[in-house]
Amino acid sequence: MSRFRVHNLPKLGEPINYDDVSPYLWNLHARLHNAIHAETRVYTCRSWRLAEQVTASYELHWNDLVVPGETLLGSFGWAVSSDLIARIEAEFAKGEAVRLFVFNSDADLCFEEVLEPID
């Protein structure tokens, strides 16, 4: 269980801190009006550390899978696998952030977030 803060991209408001990534991810799609076909893709976010906690918003489309310089850690719909949670926790343990792209059933990007580990 790792503490982390969530940064909403592209509008960088005040980040929100959380204590556990698992419940955060399990409840993520509940924020959507019609989440039955929602999908979240999770990528590494090395650019967050390398650019001193600033990164470009990519505004991906449903069929875009490549984020330059980053690695796809996994994706989830209704259920989040324990394997994906472990990969996110491993990134946090290395001091690395991860980036979420959340898509809804209409295939448009709903929101993009960076999850940054808190020491």
PDB file of N, CA and C in Angstrom:
ATOM      1  N   MET A   1       0.851  -1.174   0.000  1.00  0.00           N
ATOM      2  CA  MET A   1       0.000   0.000   0.000  1.00  0.00           C
ATOM      3  C   MET A   1       0.899   1.240   0.000  1.00  0.00           C
ATOM      4  N   SER A   2       0.722   2.072  -0.999  1.00  0.00           N
ATOM      5  CA  SER A   2       1.560   3.260  -1.159  1.00  0.00           C
ATOM      6  C   SER A   2       0.711   4.515  -1.176  1.00  0.00           C
ATOM      7  N   ARG A   3       1.212   5.528  -0.528  1.00  0.00           N
ATOM      8  CA  ARG A   3       0.550   6.834  -0.603  1.00  0.00           C
ATOM      9  C   ARG A   3       0.931   7.485  -1.917  1.00  0.00           C
ATOM     10  N   PHE A   4      -0.031   8.229  -2.497  1.00  0.00           N
ATOM     11  CA  PHE A   4       0.218   8.892  -3.772  1.00  0.00           C
ATOM     12  C   PHE A   4      -0.686  10.102  -3.893  1.00  0.00           C
ATOM     13  N   ARG A   5      -0.340  10.977  -4.836  1.00  0.00           N
ATOM     14  CA  ARG A   5      -1.196  12.132  -5.121  1.00  0.00           C
ATOM     15  C   ARG A   5      -1.595  12.079  -6.581  1.00  0.00           C
ATOM     16  N   VAL A   6      -2.796  12.579  -6.860  1.00  0.00           N
ATOM     17  CA  VAL A   6      -3.354  12.552  -8.211  1.00  0.00           C
ATOM     18  C   VAL A   6      -3.324  13.955  -8.789  1.00  0.00           C
ATOM     19  N   HIS A   7      -2.721  14.076  -9.961  1.00  0.00           N
ATOM     20  CA  HIS A   7      -2.685  15.327 -10.714  1.00  0.00           C
ATOM     21  C   HIS A   7      -3.564  15.148 -11.947  1.00  0.00           C
ATOM     22  N   ASN A   8      -4.532  16.033 -12.118  1.00  0.00           N
ATOM     23  CA  ASN A   8      -5.434  15.976 -13.264  1.00  0.00           C
ATOM     24  C   ASN A   8      -4.822  16.753 -14.417  1.00  0.00           C
ATOM     25  N   LEU A   9      -4.645  16.086 -15.563  1.00  0.00           N
ATOM     26  CA  LEU A   9      -4.113  16.748 -16.757  1.00  0.00           C
ATOM     27  C   LEU A   9      -5.261  16.985 -17.724  1.00  0.00           C
ATOM     28  N   PRO A  10      -5.258  17.977 -18.526  1.00  0.00           N
ATOM     29  CA  PRO A  10      -4.231  18.994 -18.692  1.00  0.00           C
ATOM     30  C   PRO A  10      -4.347  20.137 -17.698  1.00  0.00           C
ATOM     31  N   LYS A  11      -5.451  20.199 -16.938  1.00  0.00           N
ATOM     32  CA  LYS A  11      -5.604  21.308 -15.995  1.00  0.00           C
ATOM     33  C   LYS A  11      -4.978  20.929 -14.663  1.00  0.00           C
ATOM     34  N   LEU A  12      -3.851  21.492 -14.391  1.00  0.00           N
ATOM     35  CA  LEU A  12      -3.133  21.174 -13.162  1.00  0.00           C
ATOM     36  C   LEU A  12      -3.651  22.025 -12.019  1.00  0.00           C
ATOM     37  N   GLY A  13      -4.674  21.515 -11.343  1.00  0.00           N
ATOM     38  CA  GLY A  13      -5.165  22.173 -10.146  1.00  0.00           C
ATOM     39  C   GLY A  13      -4.413  21.630  -8.948  1.00  0.00           C
ATOM     40  N   GLU A  14      -4.991  21.778  -7.796  1.00  0.00           N
ATOM     41  CA  GLU A  14      -4.397  21.265  -6.576  1.00  0.00           C
ATOM     42  C   GLU A  14      -4.491  19.733  -6.581  1.00  0.00           C
ATOM     43  N   PRO A  15      -3.378  19.014  -6.404  1.00  0.00           N
ATOM     44  CA  PRO A  15      -3.436  17.545  -6.396  1.00  0.00           C
ATOM     45  C   PRO A  15      -4.159  17.035  -5.151  1.00  0.00           C
ATOM     46  N   ILE A  16      -4.689  15.823  -5.250  1.00  0.00           N
ATOM     47  CA  ILE A  16      -5.397  15.192  -4.138  1.00  0.00           C
ATOM     48  C   ILE A  16      -4.593  13.969  -3.706  1.00  0.00           C
ATOM     49  N   ASN A  17      -4.396  13.816  -2.388  1.00  0.00           N
ATOM     50  CA  ASN A  17      -3.625  12.701  -1.848  1.00  0.00           C
ATOM     51  C   ASN A  17      -4.529  11.515  -1.515  1.00  0.00           C
ATOM     52  N   TYR A  18      -4.012  10.305  -1.735  1.00  0.00           N
ATOM     53  CA  TYR A  18      -4.714   9.063  -1.418  1.00  0.00           C
ATOM     54  C   TYR A  18      -3.752   8.117  -0.715  1.00  0.00           C
ATOM     55  N   ASP A  19      -4.325   7.154   0.028  1.00  0.00           N
ATOM     56  CA  ASP A  19      -3.514   6.229   0.809  1.00  0.00           C
ATOM     57  C   ASP A  19      -3.300   4.867   0.165  1.00  0.00           C
ATOM     58  N   ASP A  20      -4.135   4.492  -0.800  1.00  0.00           N
ATOM     59  CA  ASP A  20      -4.047   3.140  -1.345  1.00  0.00           C
ATOM     60  C   ASP A  20      -4.504   3.148  -2.797  1.00  0.00           C
ATOM     61  N   VAL A  21      -3.672   2.638  -3.691  1.00  0.00           N
ATOM     62  CA  VAL A  21      -3.975   2.684  -5.122  1.00  0.00           C
ATOM     63  C   VAL A  21      -5.109   1.726  -5.506  1.00  0.00           C
ATOM     64  N   SER A  22      -5.229   0.604  -4.826  1.00  0.00           N
ATOM     65  CA  SER A  22      -6.234  -0.388  -5.202  1.00  0.00           C
ATOM     66  C   SER A  22      -7.662   0.163  -5.141  1.00  0.00           C
ATOM     67  N   PRO A  23      -8.128   0.696  -4.009  1.00  0.00           N
ATOM     68  CA  PRO A  23      -9.497   1.235  -3.997  1.00  0.00           C
ATOM     69  C   PRO A  23      -9.671   2.431  -4.929  1.00  0.00           C
ATOM     70  N   TYR A  24      -8.613   3.210  -5.108  1.00  0.00           N
ATOM     71  CA  TYR A  24      -8.714   4.342  -6.029  1.00  0.00           C
ATOM     72  C   TYR A  24      -9.027   3.842  -7.437  1.00  0.00           C
ATOM     73  N   LEU A  25      -8.298   2.839  -7.901  1.00  0.00           N
ATOM     74  CA  LEU A  25      -8.526   2.309  -9.247  1.00  0.00           C
ATOM     75  C   LEU A  25      -9.874   1.606  -9.360  1.00  0.00           C
ATOM     76  N   TRP A  26     -10.254   0.847  -8.331  1.00  0.00           N
ATOM     77  CA  TRP A  26     -11.530   0.125  -8.375  1.00  0.00           C
ATOM     78  C   TRP A  26     -12.712   1.082  -8.473  1.00  0.00           C
ATOM     79  N   ASN A  27     -12.592   2.287  -7.955  1.00  0.00           N
ATOM     80  CA  ASN A  27     -13.698   3.257  -7.971  1.00  0.00           C
ATOM     81  C   ASN A  27     -13.568   4.307  -9.061  1.00  0.00           C
ATOM     82  N   LEU A  28     -12.531   4.233  -9.856  1.00  0.00           N
ATOM     83  CA  LEU A  28     -12.246   5.260 -10.857  1.00  0.00           C
ATOM     84  C   LEU A  28     -13.382   5.437 -11.863  1.00  0.00           C
ATOM     85  N   HIS A  29     -13.912   4.357 -12.395  1.00  0.00           N
ATOM     86  CA  HIS A  29     -14.946   4.453 -13.433  1.00  0.00           C
ATOM     87  C   HIS A  29     -16.295   4.902 -12.882  1.00  0.00           C
ATOM     88  N   ALA A  30     -16.473   4.871 -11.571  1.00  0.00           N
ATOM     89  CA  ALA A  30     -17.722   5.351 -10.969  1.00  0.00           C
ATOM     90  C   ALA A  30     -17.901   6.851 -11.189  1.00  0.00           C
ATOM     91  N   ARG A  31     -16.840   7.546 -11.540  1.00  0.00           N
ATOM     92  CA  ARG A  31     -16.930   8.983 -11.812  1.00  0.00           C
ATOM     93  C   ARG A  31     -17.601   9.271 -13.150  1.00  0.00           C
ATOM     94  N   LEU A  32     -17.751   8.257 -13.997  1.00  0.00           N
ATOM     95  CA  LEU A  32     -18.322   8.433 -15.327  1.00  0.00           C
ATOM     96  C   LEU A  32     -19.828   8.199 -15.295  1.00  0.00           C
ATOM     97  N   HIS A  33     -20.542   8.900 -16.156  1.00  0.00           N
ATOM     98  CA  HIS A  33     -22.000   8.775 -16.210  1.00  0.00           C
ATOM     99  C   HIS A  33     -22.426   7.388 -16.680  1.00  0.00           C
ATOM    100  N   ASN A  34     -21.813   6.888 -17.731  1.00  0.00           N
ATOM    101  CA  ASN A  34     -22.135   5.578 -18.287  1.00  0.00           C
ATOM    102  C   ASN A  34     -20.831   4.811 -18.455  1.00  0.00           C
ATOM    103  N   ALA A  35     -20.459   4.096 -17.428  1.00  0.00           N
ATOM    104  CA  ALA A  35     -19.122   3.495 -17.402  1.00  0.00           C
ATOM    105  C   ALA A  35     -19.089   2.034 -17.826  1.00  0.00           C
ATOM    106  N   ILE A  36     -20.165   1.534 -18.390  1.00  0.00           N
ATOM    107  CA  ILE A  36     -20.226   0.104 -18.698  1.00  0.00           C
ATOM    108  C   ILE A  36     -19.125  -0.346 -19.657  1.00  0.00           C
ATOM    109  N   HIS A  37     -18.725   0.519 -20.568  1.00  0.00           N
ATOM    110  CA  HIS A  37     -17.662   0.158 -21.511  1.00  0.00           C
ATOM    111  C   HIS A  37     -16.386   0.972 -21.289  1.00  0.00           C
ATOM    112  N   ALA A  38     -16.224   1.519 -20.105  1.00  0.00           N
ATOM    113  CA  ALA A  38     -15.043   2.341 -19.821  1.00  0.00           C
ATOM    114  C   ALA A  38     -13.782   1.480 -19.792  1.00  0.00           C
ATOM    115  N   GLU A  39     -12.693   2.104 -20.159  1.00  0.00           N
ATOM    116  CA  GLU A  39     -11.387   1.445 -20.094  1.00  0.00           C
ATOM    117  C   GLU A  39     -10.361   2.463 -19.621  1.00  0.00           C
ATOM    118  N   THR A  40      -9.474   2.016 -18.771  1.00  0.00           N
ATOM    119  CA  THR A  40      -8.351   2.842 -18.336  1.00  0.00           C
ATOM    120  C   THR A  40      -7.063   2.153 -18.747  1.00  0.00           C
ATOM    121  N   ARG A  41      -6.181   2.923 -19.356  1.00  0.00           N
ATOM    122  CA  ARG A  41      -4.848   2.428 -19.708  1.00  0.00           C
ATOM    123  C   ARG A  41      -3.838   3.080 -18.772  1.00  0.00           C
ATOM    124  N   VAL A  42      -2.913   2.283 -18.291  1.00  0.00           N
ATOM    125  CA  VAL A  42      -1.917   2.743 -17.324  1.00  0.00           C
ATOM    126  C   VAL A  42      -0.538   2.651 -17.973  1.00  0.00           C
ATOM    127  N   TYR A  43       0.165   3.773 -17.974  1.00  0.00           N
ATOM    128  CA  TYR A  43       1.504   3.865 -18.567  1.00  0.00           C
ATOM    129  C   TYR A  43       2.507   4.325 -17.516  1.00  0.00           C
ATOM    130  N   THR A  44       3.772   4.001 -17.756  1.00  0.00           N
ATOM    131  CA  THR A  44       4.821   4.638 -16.974  1.00  0.00           C
ATOM    132  C   THR A  44       4.761   6.135 -17.264  1.00  0.00           C
ATOM    133  N   CYS A  45       5.386   6.924 -16.397  1.00  0.00           N
ATOM    134  CA  CYS A  45       5.406   8.377 -16.629  1.00  0.00           C
ATOM    135  C   CYS A  45       6.765   8.931 -16.204  1.00  0.00           C
ATOM    136  N   ARG A  46       7.807   8.451 -16.876  1.00  0.00           N
ATOM    137  CA  ARG A  46       9.167   8.913 -16.578  1.00  0.00           C
ATOM    138  C   ARG A  46       9.304  10.416 -16.792  1.00  0.00           C
ATOM    139  N   SER A  47       8.540  10.941 -17.736  1.00  0.00           N
ATOM    140  CA  SER A  47       8.637  12.374 -18.039  1.00  0.00           C
ATOM    141  C   SER A  47       8.274  13.228 -16.829  1.00  0.00           C
ATOM    142  N   TRP A  48       7.476  12.697 -15.900  1.00  0.00           N
ATOM    143  CA  TRP A  48       7.081  13.457 -14.709  1.00  0.00           C
ATOM    144  C   TRP A  48       8.304  13.788 -13.865  1.00  0.00           C
ATOM    145  N   ARG A  49       9.169  12.803 -13.667  1.00  0.00           N
ATOM    146  CA  ARG A  49      10.379  13.007 -12.869  1.00  0.00           C
ATOM    147  C   ARG A  49      11.426  13.780 -13.658  1.00  0.00           C
ATOM    148  N   LEU A  50      11.595  13.420 -14.907  1.00  0.00           N
ATOM    149  CA  LEU A  50      12.638  14.035 -15.731  1.00  0.00           C
ATOM    150  C   LEU A  50      12.370  15.507 -16.010  1.00  0.00           C
ATOM    151  N   ALA A  51      11.111  15.893 -16.059  1.00  0.00           N
ATOM    152  CA  ALA A  51      10.760  17.288 -16.354  1.00  0.00           C
ATOM    153  C   ALA A  51      10.318  18.031 -15.097  1.00  0.00           C
ATOM    154  N   GLU A  52      10.750  17.545 -13.936  1.00  0.00           N
ATOM    155  CA  GLU A  52      10.455  18.191 -12.657  1.00  0.00           C
ATOM    156  C   GLU A  52       8.962  18.369 -12.434  1.00  0.00           C
ATOM    157  N   GLN A  53       8.231  17.270 -12.487  1.00  0.00           N
ATOM    158  CA  GLN A  53       6.801  17.193 -12.205  1.00  0.00           C
ATOM    159  C   GLN A  53       5.953  18.006 -13.173  1.00  0.00           C
ATOM    160  N   VAL A  54       6.348  17.987 -14.423  1.00  0.00           N
ATOM    161  CA  VAL A  54       5.553  18.595 -15.494  1.00  0.00           C
ATOM    162  C   VAL A  54       5.587  17.617 -16.653  1.00  0.00           C
ATOM    163  N   THR A  55       4.455  17.413 -17.291  1.00  0.00           N
ATOM    164  CA  THR A  55       4.418  16.536 -18.455  1.00  0.00           C
ATOM    165  C   THR A  55       3.312  16.989 -19.386  1.00  0.00           C
ATOM    166  N   ALA A  56       3.476  16.719 -20.645  1.00  0.00           N
ATOM    167  CA  ALA A  56       2.481  17.125 -21.641  1.00  0.00           C
ATOM    168  C   ALA A  56       1.244  16.247 -21.536  1.00  0.00           C
ATOM    169  N   SER A  57       0.090  16.843 -21.799  1.00  0.00           N
ATOM    170  CA  SER A  57      -1.146  16.083 -21.916  1.00  0.00           C
ATOM    171  C   SER A  57      -1.225  15.562 -23.344  1.00  0.00           C
ATOM    172  N   TYR A  58      -1.448  14.264 -23.500  1.00  0.00           N
ATOM    173  CA  TYR A  58      -1.441  13.674 -24.838  1.00  0.00           C
ATOM    174  C   TYR A  58      -2.813  13.630 -25.485  1.00  0.00           C
ATOM    175  N   GLU A  59      -3.871  13.664 -24.698  1.00  0.00           N
ATOM    176  CA  GLU A  59      -5.238  13.633 -25.226  1.00  0.00           C
ATOM    177  C   GLU A  59      -5.385  12.539 -26.284  1.00  0.00           C
ATOM    178  N   LEU A  60      -5.060  11.325 -25.886  1.00  0.00           N
ATOM    179  CA  LEU A  60      -5.113  10.180 -26.795  1.00  0.00           C
ATOM    180  C   LEU A  60      -6.532   9.898 -27.269  1.00  0.00           C
ATOM    181  N   HIS A  61      -6.632   9.212 -28.388  1.00  0.00           N
ATOM    182  CA  HIS A  61      -7.896   8.683 -28.867  1.00  0.00           C
ATOM    183  C   HIS A  61      -7.954   7.209 -28.503  1.00  0.00           C
ATOM    184  N   TRP A  62      -9.136   6.630 -28.580  1.00  0.00           N
ATOM    185  CA  TRP A  62      -9.366   5.249 -28.167  1.00  0.00           C
ATOM    186  C   TRP A  62      -8.366   4.273 -28.783  1.00  0.00           C
ATOM    187  N   ASN A  63      -8.067   4.443 -30.060  1.00  0.00           N
ATOM    188  CA  ASN A  63      -7.199   3.484 -30.737  1.00  0.00           C
ATOM    189  C   ASN A  63      -5.717   3.842 -30.676  1.00  0.00           C
ATOM    190  N   ASP A  64      -5.351   4.922 -30.010  1.00  0.00           N
ATOM    191  CA  ASP A  64      -3.939   5.272 -29.825  1.00  0.00           C
ATOM    192  C   ASP A  64      -3.388   4.483 -28.641  1.00  0.00           C
ATOM    193  N   LEU A  65      -2.297   3.811 -28.843  1.00  0.00           N
ATOM    194  CA  LEU A  65      -1.701   3.032 -27.759  1.00  0.00           C
ATOM    195  C   LEU A  65      -0.303   3.494 -27.388  1.00  0.00           C
ATOM    196  N   VAL A  66       0.297   4.336 -28.199  1.00  0.00           N
ATOM    197  CA  VAL A  66       1.690   4.716 -27.983  1.00  0.00           C
ATOM    198  C   VAL A  66       1.772   6.073 -27.289  1.00  0.00           C
ATOM    199  N   VAL A  67       2.490   6.109 -26.188  1.00  0.00           N
ATOM    200  CA  VAL A  67       2.836   7.352 -25.512  1.00  0.00           C
ATOM    201  C   VAL A  67       4.351   7.453 -25.632  1.00  0.00           C
ATOM    202  N   PRO A  68       4.856   8.458 -26.337  1.00  0.00           N
ATOM    203  CA  PRO A  68       6.297   8.540 -26.608  1.00  0.00           C
ATOM    204  C   PRO A  68       7.153   8.426 -25.340  1.00  0.00           C
ATOM    205  N   GLY A  69       8.089   7.483 -25.373  1.00  0.00           N
ATOM    206  CA  GLY A  69       9.025   7.312 -24.267  1.00  0.00           C
ATOM    207  C   GLY A  69       8.475   6.577 -23.061  1.00  0.00           C
ATOM    208  N   GLU A  70       7.235   6.109 -23.116  1.00  0.00           N
ATOM    209  CA  GLU A  70       6.618   5.452 -21.961  1.00  0.00           C
ATOM    210  C   GLU A  70       6.212   4.027 -22.312  1.00  0.00           C
ATOM    211  N   THR A  71       5.940   3.227 -21.295  1.00  0.00           N
ATOM    212  CA  THR A  71       5.576   1.826 -21.458  1.00  0.00           C
ATOM    213  C   THR A  71       4.169   1.588 -20.935  1.00  0.00           C
ATOM    214  N   LEU A  72       3.369   0.851 -21.690  1.00  0.00           N
ATOM    215  CA  LEU A  72       2.035   0.460 -21.242  1.00  0.00           C
ATOM    216  C   LEU A  72       2.185  -0.604 -20.160  1.00  0.00           C
ATOM    217  N   LEU A  73       1.705  -0.298 -18.950  1.00  0.00           N
ATOM    218  CA  LEU A  73       1.765  -1.261 -17.851  1.00  0.00           C
ATOM    219  C   LEU A  73       0.580  -2.213 -17.886  1.00  0.00           C
ATOM    220  N   GLY A  74      -0.540  -1.754 -18.434  1.00  0.00           N
ATOM    221  CA  GLY A  74      -1.737  -2.579 -18.509  1.00  0.00           C
ATOM    222  C   GLY A  74      -2.967  -1.714 -18.659  1.00  0.00           C
ATOM    223  N   SER A  75      -4.118  -2.385 -18.726  1.00  0.00           N
ATOM    224  CA  SER A  75      -5.387  -1.668 -18.830  1.00  0.00           C
ATOM    225  C   SER A  75      -6.441  -2.435 -18.053  1.00  0.00           C
ATOM    226  N   PHE A  76      -7.555  -1.764 -17.759  1.00  0.00           N
ATOM    227  CA  PHE A  76      -8.650  -2.437 -17.058  1.00  0.00           C
ATOM    228  C   PHE A  76      -9.977  -1.788 -17.420  1.00  0.00           C
ATOM    229  N   GLY A  77     -11.029  -2.594 -17.256  1.00  0.00           N
ATOM    230  CA  GLY A  77     -12.398  -2.128 -17.455  1.00  0.00           C
ATOM    231  C   GLY A  77     -13.126  -2.197 -16.123  1.00  0.00           C
ATOM    232  N   TRP A  78     -14.030  -3.170 -15.987  1.00  0.00           N
ATOM    233  CA  TRP A  78     -14.779  -3.319 -14.733  1.00  0.00           C
ATOM    234  C   TRP A  78     -13.901  -3.772 -13.581  1.00  0.00           C
ATOM    235  N   ALA A  79     -12.914  -4.586 -13.856  1.00  0.00           N
ATOM    236  CA  ALA A  79     -12.100  -5.158 -12.787  1.00  0.00           C
ATOM    237  C   ALA A  79     -10.628  -4.819 -12.995  1.00  0.00           C
ATOM    238  N   VAL A  80      -9.963  -4.538 -11.894  1.00  0.00           N
ATOM    239  CA  VAL A  80      -8.533  -4.221 -11.924  1.00  0.00           C
ATOM    240  C   VAL A  80      -7.772  -5.455 -11.442  1.00  0.00           C
ATOM    241  N   SER A  81      -6.848  -5.932 -12.235  1.00  0.00           N
ATOM    242  CA  SER A  81      -6.110  -7.141 -11.840  1.00  0.00           C
ATOM    243  C   SER A  81      -5.095  -6.823 -10.743  1.00  0.00           C
ATOM    244  N   SER A  82      -4.859  -7.811  -9.900  1.00  0.00           N
ATOM    245  CA  SER A  82      -3.852  -7.640  -8.848  1.00  0.00           C
ATOM    246  C   SER A  82      -2.463  -7.492  -9.467  1.00  0.00           C
ATOM    247  N   ASP A  83      -2.268  -8.079 -10.649  1.00  0.00           N
ATOM    248  CA  ASP A  83      -0.992  -7.951 -11.355  1.00  0.00           C
ATOM    249  C   ASP A  83      -0.730  -6.494 -11.762  1.00  0.00           C
ATOM    250  N   LEU A  84      -1.754  -5.814 -12.272  1.00  0.00           N
ATOM    251  CA  LEU A  84      -1.596  -4.406 -12.655  1.00  0.00           C
ATOM    252  C   LEU A  84      -1.346  -3.539 -11.423  1.00  0.00           C
ATOM    253  N   ILE A  85      -2.070  -3.803 -10.350  1.00  0.00           N
ATOM    254  CA  ILE A  85      -1.844  -3.050  -9.108  1.00  0.00           C
ATOM    255  C   ILE A  85      -0.407  -3.259  -8.634  1.00  0.00           C
ATOM    256  N   ALA A  86       0.096  -4.485  -8.730  1.00  0.00           N
ATOM    257  CA  ALA A  86       1.486  -4.769  -8.330  1.00  0.00           C
ATOM    258  C   ALA A  86       2.478  -4.015  -9.210  1.00  0.00           C
ATOM    259  N   ARG A  87       2.197  -3.910 -10.512  1.00  0.00           N
ATOM    260  CA  ARG A  87       3.094  -3.159 -11.404  1.00  0.00           C
ATOM    261  C   ARG A  87       3.101  -1.674 -11.047  1.00  0.00           C
ATOM    262  N   ILE A  88       1.938  -1.123 -10.710  1.00  0.00           N
ATOM    263  CA  ILE A  88       1.862   0.284 -10.304  1.00  0.00           C
ATOM    264  C   ILE A  88       2.620   0.484  -8.998  1.00  0.00           C
ATOM    265  N   GLU A  89       2.402  -0.406  -8.037  1.00  0.00           N
ATOM    266  CA  GLU A  89       3.114  -0.326  -6.755  1.00  0.00           C
ATOM    267  C   GLU A  89       4.625  -0.425  -6.961  1.00  0.00           C
ATOM    268  N   ALA A  90       5.063  -1.245  -7.913  1.00  0.00           N
ATOM    269  CA  ALA A  90       6.499  -1.372  -8.201  1.00  0.00           C
ATOM    270  C   ALA A  90       7.056  -0.065  -8.751  1.00  0.00           C
ATOM    271  N   GLU A  91       6.294   0.607  -9.602  1.00  0.00           N
ATOM    272  CA  GLU A  91       6.719   1.923 -10.105  1.00  0.00           C
ATOM    273  C   GLU A  91       6.825   2.910  -8.949  1.00  0.00           C
ATOM    274  N   PHE A  92       5.815   2.920  -8.074  1.00  0.00           N
ATOM    275  CA  PHE A  92       5.841   3.812  -6.909  1.00  0.00           C
ATOM    276  C   PHE A  92       7.056   3.520  -6.030  1.00  0.00           C
ATOM    277  N   ALA A  93       7.372   2.247  -5.837  1.00  0.00           N
ATOM    278  CA  ALA A  93       8.518   1.864  -4.997  1.00  0.00           C
ATOM    279  C   ALA A  93       9.831   2.392  -5.563  1.00  0.00           C
ATOM    280  N   LYS A  94       9.889   2.568  -6.888  1.00  0.00           N
ATOM    281  CA  LYS A  94      11.085   3.130  -7.539  1.00  0.00           C
ATOM    282  C   LYS A  94      11.042   4.654  -7.567  1.00  0.00           C
ATOM    283  N   GLY A  95       9.981   5.252  -6.991  1.00  0.00           N
ATOM    284  CA  GLY A  95       9.847   6.704  -7.005  1.00  0.00           C
ATOM    285  C   GLY A  95       9.296   7.249  -8.306  1.00  0.00           C
ATOM    286  N   GLU A  96       8.732   6.380  -9.135  1.00  0.00           N
ATOM    287  CA  GLU A  96       8.225   6.773 -10.450  1.00  0.00           C
ATOM    288  C   GLU A  96       6.708   6.955 -10.430  1.00  0.00           C
ATOM    289  N   ALA A  97       6.240   7.921 -11.195  1.00  0.00           N
ATOM    290  CA  ALA A  97       4.810   8.166 -11.351  1.00  0.00           C
ATOM    291  C   ALA A  97       4.253   7.277 -12.457  1.00  0.00           C
ATOM    292  N   VAL A  98       2.927   7.152 -12.495  1.00  0.00           N
ATOM    293  CA  VAL A  98       2.245   6.474 -13.598  1.00  0.00           C
ATOM    294  C   VAL A  98       1.187   7.422 -14.153  1.00  0.00           C
ATOM    295  N   ARG A  99       0.823   7.180 -15.406  1.00  0.00           N
ATOM    296  CA  ARG A  99      -0.166   8.032 -16.072  1.00  0.00           C
ATOM    297  C   ARG A  99      -1.375   7.176 -16.442  1.00  0.00           C
ATOM    298  N   LEU A 100      -2.577   7.709 -16.160  1.00  0.00           N
ATOM    299  CA  LEU A 100      -3.824   7.034 -16.502  1.00  0.00           C
ATOM    300  C   LEU A 100      -4.515   7.782 -17.631  1.00  0.00           C
ATOM    301  N   PHE A 101      -4.991   7.032 -18.615  1.00  0.00           N
ATOM    302  CA  PHE A 101      -5.868   7.564 -19.655  1.00  0.00           C
ATOM    303  C   PHE A 101      -7.194   6.839 -19.493  1.00  0.00           C
ATOM    304  N   VAL A 102      -8.264   7.570 -19.194  1.00  0.00           N
ATOM    305  CA  VAL A 102      -9.573   6.968 -18.952  1.00  0.00           C
ATOM    306  C   VAL A 102     -10.492   7.285 -20.123  1.00  0.00           C
ATOM    307  N   PHE A 103     -10.997   6.224 -20.760  1.00  0.00           N
ATOM    308  CA  PHE A 103     -11.888   6.345 -21.915  1.00  0.00           C
ATOM    309  C   PHE A 103     -13.266   5.831 -21.527  1.00  0.00           C
ATOM    310  N   ASN A 104     -14.312   6.392 -22.134  1.00  0.00           N
ATOM    311  CA  ASN A 104     -15.670   5.922 -21.893  1.00  0.00           C
ATOM    312  C   ASN A 104     -16.198   5.207 -23.125  1.00  0.00           C
ATOM    313  N   SER A 105     -17.434   4.769 -23.076  1.00  0.00           N
ATOM    314  CA  SER A 105     -18.014   3.957 -24.146  1.00  0.00           C
ATOM    315  C   SER A 105     -18.106   4.678 -25.483  1.00  0.00           C
ATOM    316  N   ASP A 106     -18.088   5.985 -25.478  1.00  0.00           N
ATOM    317  CA  ASP A 106     -18.141   6.711 -26.749  1.00  0.00           C
ATOM    318  C   ASP A 106     -16.754   6.863 -27.366  1.00  0.00           C
ATOM    319  N   ALA A 107     -15.755   6.223 -26.782  1.00  0.00           N
ATOM    320  CA  ALA A 107     -14.391   6.151 -27.297  1.00  0.00           C
ATOM    321  C   ALA A 107     -13.613   7.454 -27.187  1.00  0.00           C
ATOM    322  N   ASP A 108     -14.144   8.426 -26.495  1.00  0.00           N
ATOM    323  CA  ASP A 108     -13.411   9.668 -26.295  1.00  0.00           C
ATOM    324  C   ASP A 108     -12.669   9.626 -24.964  1.00  0.00           C
ATOM    325  N   LEU A 109     -11.533  10.284 -24.933  1.00  0.00           N
ATOM    326  CA  LEU A 109     -10.789  10.398 -23.686  1.00  0.00           C
ATOM    327  C   LEU A 109     -11.601  11.241 -22.719  1.00  0.00           C
ATOM    328  N   CYS A 110     -11.862  10.693 -21.542  1.00  0.00           N
ATOM    329  CA  CYS A 110     -12.624  11.431 -20.536  1.00  0.00           C
ATOM    330  C   CYS A 110     -11.708  12.257 -19.646  1.00  0.00           C
ATOM    331  N   PHE A 111     -10.654  11.618 -19.171  1.00  0.00           N
ATOM    332  CA  PHE A 111      -9.679  12.366 -18.391  1.00  0.00           C
ATOM    333  C   PHE A 111      -8.346  11.639 -18.374  1.00  0.00           C
ATOM    334  N   GLU A 112      -7.349  12.411 -18.008  1.00  0.00           N
ATOM    335  CA  GLU A 112      -5.965  11.941 -17.976  1.00  0.00           C
ATOM    336  C   GLU A 112      -5.383  12.384 -16.640  1.00  0.00           C
ATOM    337  N   GLU A 113      -4.746  11.456 -15.931  1.00  0.00           N
ATOM    338  CA  GLU A 113      -4.195  11.767 -14.617  1.00  0.00           C
ATOM    339  C   GLU A 113      -2.776  11.219 -14.480  1.00  0.00           C
ATOM    340  N   VAL A 114      -2.014  11.874 -13.624  1.00  0.00           N
ATOM    341  CA  VAL A 114      -0.711  11.351 -13.214  1.00  0.00           C
ATOM    342  C   VAL A 114      -0.822  11.010 -11.733  1.00  0.00           C
ATOM    343  N   LEU A 115      -0.441   9.772 -11.390  1.00  0.00           N
ATOM    344  CA  LEU A 115      -0.391   9.347  -9.995  1.00  0.00           C
ATOM    345  C   LEU A 115       1.070   9.377  -9.574  1.00  0.00           C
ATOM    346  N   GLU A 116       1.358  10.228  -8.608  1.00  0.00           N
ATOM    347  CA  GLU A 116       2.736  10.452  -8.160  1.00  0.00           C
ATOM    348  C   GLU A 116       2.921   9.883  -6.760  1.00  0.00           C
ATOM    349  N   PRO A 117       3.916   9.024  -6.542  1.00  0.00           N
ATOM    350  CA  PRO A 117       4.121   8.482  -5.201  1.00  0.00           C
ATOM    351  C   PRO A 117       4.552   9.572  -4.224  1.00  0.00           C
ATOM    352  N   ILE A 118       4.104   9.416  -2.987  1.00  0.00           N
ATOM    353  CA  ILE A 118       4.490  10.336  -1.916  1.00  0.00           C
ATOM    354  C   ILE A 118       5.438   9.581  -0.998  1.00  0.00           C
ATOM    355  N   ASP A 119       6.574  10.164  -0.705  1.00  0.00           N
ATOM    356  CA  ASP A 119       7.565   9.511   0.172  1.00  0.00           C
ATOM    357  C   ASP A 119       7.034   9.335   1.569  1.00  0.00           C
TER     358      ASP A 119
END
